[in-house]
């Protein structure tokens, strides 16, 4: 049974794996303008309390850069 904090969704994540450079756009200060953000992120993470592992999903932008699209749970039953 996972700890109480993990059951309510407050995991304690440890990032690891391959480092990926992602690029995304956010709304700017003025309507119609967008600011471009860039960041290095890790491709995987695991909870230090309950051991749940997740893998980051990436999509490719039109210009060929990567963007983060969410997380996918990794099964430990292999």
N, C-alpha and C. Protein backbone atom coordinates (compact mmCIF):
# COMPACT_ATOMS: atom_id res chain seq x y z
N UNK A 1 0.85 -1.18 0.00
CA UNK A 1 0.00 0.00 0.00
C UNK A 1 0.90 1.25 0.00
N UNK A 2 0.68 2.18 -0.95
CA UNK A 2 1.52 3.37 -1.03
C UNK A 2 1.31 4.29 0.18
N UNK A 3 2.31 5.11 0.49
CA UNK A 3 2.16 6.06 1.59
C UNK A 3 1.00 7.02 1.36
N UNK A 4 0.52 7.63 2.43
CA UNK A 4 -0.64 8.51 2.38
C UNK A 4 -0.44 9.67 1.41
N UNK A 5 0.72 10.31 1.43
CA UNK A 5 0.95 11.45 0.54
C UNK A 5 0.89 11.04 -0.93
N UNK A 6 1.38 9.86 -1.26
CA UNK A 6 1.34 9.39 -2.64
C UNK A 6 -0.09 9.06 -3.06
N UNK A 7 -0.90 8.56 -2.14
CA UNK A 7 -2.30 8.24 -2.47
C UNK A 7 -3.10 9.49 -2.81
N UNK A 8 -2.74 10.64 -2.23
CA UNK A 8 -3.47 11.87 -2.56
C UNK A 8 -2.77 12.67 -3.66
N UNK A 9 -1.71 12.10 -4.25
CA UNK A 9 -1.08 12.71 -5.42
C UNK A 9 0.13 13.57 -5.14
N UNK A 10 0.65 13.55 -3.92
CA UNK A 10 1.83 14.36 -3.58
C UNK A 10 3.07 13.48 -3.57
N UNK A 11 3.51 13.11 -4.75
CA UNK A 11 4.69 12.27 -4.88
C UNK A 11 5.95 13.09 -4.67
N UNK A 12 7.04 12.42 -4.34
CA UNK A 12 8.35 13.06 -4.22
C UNK A 12 9.20 12.52 -5.37
N UNK A 13 9.31 13.31 -6.46
CA UNK A 13 9.92 12.84 -7.69
C UNK A 13 11.43 12.99 -7.69
N UNK A 14 12.08 12.02 -8.32
CA UNK A 14 13.51 12.09 -8.62
C UNK A 14 13.63 11.94 -10.14
N UNK A 15 14.17 12.96 -10.80
CA UNK A 15 14.33 12.94 -12.24
C UNK A 15 15.62 12.23 -12.62
N UNK A 16 15.57 11.46 -13.72
CA UNK A 16 16.76 10.77 -14.20
C UNK A 16 16.56 10.45 -15.67
N UNK A 17 17.56 9.82 -16.27
CA UNK A 17 17.47 9.43 -17.68
C UNK A 17 18.13 10.43 -18.59
N UNK A 18 17.77 10.36 -19.84
CA UNK A 18 18.34 11.21 -20.88
C UNK A 18 17.88 12.65 -20.71
N UNK A 19 18.79 13.61 -20.92
CA UNK A 19 18.43 15.03 -20.91
C UNK A 19 18.00 15.43 -22.31
N UNK A 20 16.86 16.12 -22.40
CA UNK A 20 16.31 16.53 -23.69
C UNK A 20 16.07 18.04 -23.64
N UNK A 21 16.40 18.72 -24.73
CA UNK A 21 16.18 20.17 -24.86
C UNK A 21 14.81 20.38 -25.48
N UNK A 22 13.89 21.05 -24.76
CA UNK A 22 12.55 21.28 -25.29
C UNK A 22 12.32 22.77 -25.52
N UNK A 23 11.40 23.07 -26.42
CA UNK A 23 11.04 24.45 -26.77
C UNK A 23 9.52 24.53 -26.82
N UNK A 24 8.94 25.57 -26.21
CA UNK A 24 7.50 25.77 -26.28
C UNK A 24 7.20 27.26 -26.28
N UNK A 25 5.98 27.62 -26.61
CA UNK A 25 5.58 29.03 -26.67
C UNK A 25 4.45 29.27 -25.67
N UNK A 26 4.53 30.41 -24.98
CA UNK A 26 3.52 30.82 -24.02
C UNK A 26 2.96 32.17 -24.44
N UNK A 27 1.73 32.47 -24.03
CA UNK A 27 1.17 33.79 -24.35
C UNK A 27 2.01 34.90 -23.76
N UNK A 28 2.17 35.97 -24.51
CA UNK A 28 2.98 37.10 -24.06
C UNK A 28 2.16 38.11 -23.28
N UNK A 29 2.77 39.25 -23.00
CA UNK A 29 2.11 40.30 -22.23
C UNK A 29 0.97 40.94 -23.03
N UNK A 30 1.19 41.12 -24.34
CA UNK A 30 0.16 41.70 -25.21
C UNK A 30 -0.59 40.58 -25.93
N UNK A 31 -1.89 40.75 -26.14
CA UNK A 31 -2.64 39.73 -26.88
C UNK A 31 -2.08 39.53 -28.28
N UNK A 32 -1.96 38.28 -28.70
CA UNK A 32 -1.45 37.97 -30.02
C UNK A 32 0.04 37.73 -30.07
N UNK A 33 0.78 38.12 -29.05
CA UNK A 33 2.22 37.89 -29.00
C UNK A 33 2.50 36.65 -28.16
N UNK A 34 3.51 35.91 -28.56
CA UNK A 34 3.91 34.72 -27.82
C UNK A 34 5.39 34.77 -27.53
N UNK A 35 5.77 34.30 -26.34
CA UNK A 35 7.18 34.24 -25.97
C UNK A 35 7.64 32.79 -26.06
N UNK A 36 8.84 32.61 -26.56
CA UNK A 36 9.38 31.26 -26.71
C UNK A 36 10.20 30.91 -25.49
N UNK A 37 9.94 29.73 -24.92
CA UNK A 37 10.67 29.23 -23.76
C UNK A 37 11.50 28.03 -24.16
N UNK A 38 12.69 27.89 -23.54
CA UNK A 38 13.59 26.77 -23.82
C UNK A 38 14.08 26.22 -22.50
N UNK A 39 14.24 24.88 -22.44
CA UNK A 39 14.65 24.27 -21.18
C UNK A 39 15.18 22.86 -21.41
N UNK A 40 16.14 22.44 -20.59
CA UNK A 40 16.62 21.06 -20.58
C UNK A 40 15.81 20.31 -19.53
N UNK A 41 15.27 19.14 -19.89
CA UNK A 41 14.49 18.32 -18.96
C UNK A 41 14.98 16.88 -19.03
N UNK A 42 14.68 16.11 -17.99
CA UNK A 42 15.00 14.70 -17.98
C UNK A 42 13.83 13.92 -18.55
N UNK A 43 14.11 12.77 -19.16
CA UNK A 43 13.09 11.99 -19.85
C UNK A 43 12.30 11.06 -18.93
N UNK A 44 12.79 10.78 -17.71
CA UNK A 44 12.11 9.85 -16.82
C UNK A 44 12.13 10.39 -15.39
N UNK A 45 11.20 9.85 -14.56
CA UNK A 45 11.19 10.19 -13.14
C UNK A 45 10.59 9.04 -12.35
N UNK A 46 10.93 8.98 -11.06
CA UNK A 46 10.37 7.95 -10.19
C UNK A 46 10.10 8.57 -8.83
N UNK A 47 9.09 8.04 -8.13
CA UNK A 47 8.74 8.53 -6.80
C UNK A 47 9.64 7.85 -5.78
N UNK A 48 10.23 8.63 -4.91
CA UNK A 48 11.12 8.10 -3.89
C UNK A 48 10.36 7.38 -2.77
N UNK A 49 9.06 7.67 -2.61
CA UNK A 49 8.28 7.04 -1.55
C UNK A 49 7.65 5.73 -1.98
N UNK A 50 6.96 5.73 -3.12
CA UNK A 50 6.19 4.54 -3.51
C UNK A 50 6.78 3.78 -4.69
N UNK A 51 7.75 4.35 -5.39
CA UNK A 51 8.42 3.65 -6.48
C UNK A 51 7.74 3.72 -7.84
N UNK A 52 6.70 4.54 -8.00
CA UNK A 52 6.04 4.70 -9.29
C UNK A 52 7.01 5.33 -10.27
N UNK A 53 7.08 4.79 -11.50
CA UNK A 53 7.97 5.33 -12.53
C UNK A 53 7.15 5.89 -13.68
N UNK A 54 7.60 7.02 -14.23
CA UNK A 54 6.93 7.64 -15.36
C UNK A 54 7.96 8.04 -16.40
N UNK A 55 7.52 8.04 -17.65
CA UNK A 55 8.36 8.41 -18.78
C UNK A 55 7.71 9.60 -19.48
N UNK A 56 8.50 10.61 -19.82
CA UNK A 56 7.97 11.82 -20.46
C UNK A 56 7.67 11.54 -21.93
N UNK A 57 6.55 12.04 -22.42
CA UNK A 57 6.18 11.94 -23.82
C UNK A 57 6.60 13.22 -24.53
N UNK A 58 7.15 13.09 -25.71
CA UNK A 58 7.61 14.25 -26.48
C UNK A 58 6.90 14.29 -27.83
N UNK A 59 6.69 15.50 -28.33
CA UNK A 59 6.18 15.70 -29.68
C UNK A 59 7.19 16.56 -30.42
N UNK A 60 7.16 16.46 -31.74
CA UNK A 60 8.08 17.25 -32.54
C UNK A 60 7.35 18.48 -33.07
N UNK A 61 7.96 19.66 -32.89
CA UNK A 61 7.40 20.91 -33.41
C UNK A 61 7.63 20.99 -34.92
N UNK A 62 7.00 21.95 -35.55
CA UNK A 62 7.13 22.15 -36.99
C UNK A 62 8.57 22.43 -37.39
N UNK A 63 9.29 23.18 -36.55
CA UNK A 63 10.67 23.54 -36.87
C UNK A 63 11.68 22.46 -36.49
N UNK A 64 11.23 21.29 -36.03
CA UNK A 64 12.12 20.18 -35.74
C UNK A 64 12.56 20.06 -34.29
N UNK A 65 12.18 20.99 -33.43
CA UNK A 65 12.54 20.91 -32.01
C UNK A 65 11.52 20.04 -31.28
N UNK A 66 11.85 19.64 -30.07
CA UNK A 66 10.95 18.80 -29.26
C UNK A 66 10.17 19.64 -28.27
N UNK A 67 8.98 19.14 -27.91
CA UNK A 67 8.15 19.76 -26.88
C UNK A 67 7.61 18.64 -25.99
N UNK A 68 7.46 18.92 -24.71
CA UNK A 68 6.92 17.93 -23.77
C UNK A 68 5.41 17.85 -23.95
N UNK A 69 4.88 16.62 -23.94
CA UNK A 69 3.44 16.42 -24.15
C UNK A 69 2.76 15.74 -22.99
N UNK A 70 3.48 15.38 -21.95
CA UNK A 70 2.86 14.73 -20.80
C UNK A 70 3.70 13.59 -20.26
N UNK A 71 3.07 12.76 -19.42
CA UNK A 71 3.76 11.64 -18.78
C UNK A 71 3.03 10.35 -19.05
N UNK A 72 3.78 9.25 -19.15
CA UNK A 72 3.22 7.92 -19.34
C UNK A 72 3.77 7.03 -18.23
N UNK A 73 2.90 6.27 -17.58
CA UNK A 73 3.33 5.39 -16.48
C UNK A 73 4.05 4.18 -17.04
N UNK A 74 5.15 3.80 -16.41
CA UNK A 74 5.95 2.66 -16.82
C UNK A 74 5.61 1.49 -15.90
N UNK A 75 5.26 0.32 -16.48
CA UNK A 75 4.93 -0.85 -15.69
C UNK A 75 6.20 -1.48 -15.14
N UNK A 76 6.16 -1.90 -13.89
CA UNK A 76 7.30 -2.54 -13.25
C UNK A 76 7.23 -4.07 -13.37
N UNK A 77 6.24 -4.60 -14.07
CA UNK A 77 6.03 -6.05 -14.15
C UNK A 77 6.77 -6.70 -15.31
N UNK A 78 7.99 -6.26 -15.62
CA UNK A 78 8.72 -6.87 -16.72
C UNK A 78 9.85 -7.73 -16.27
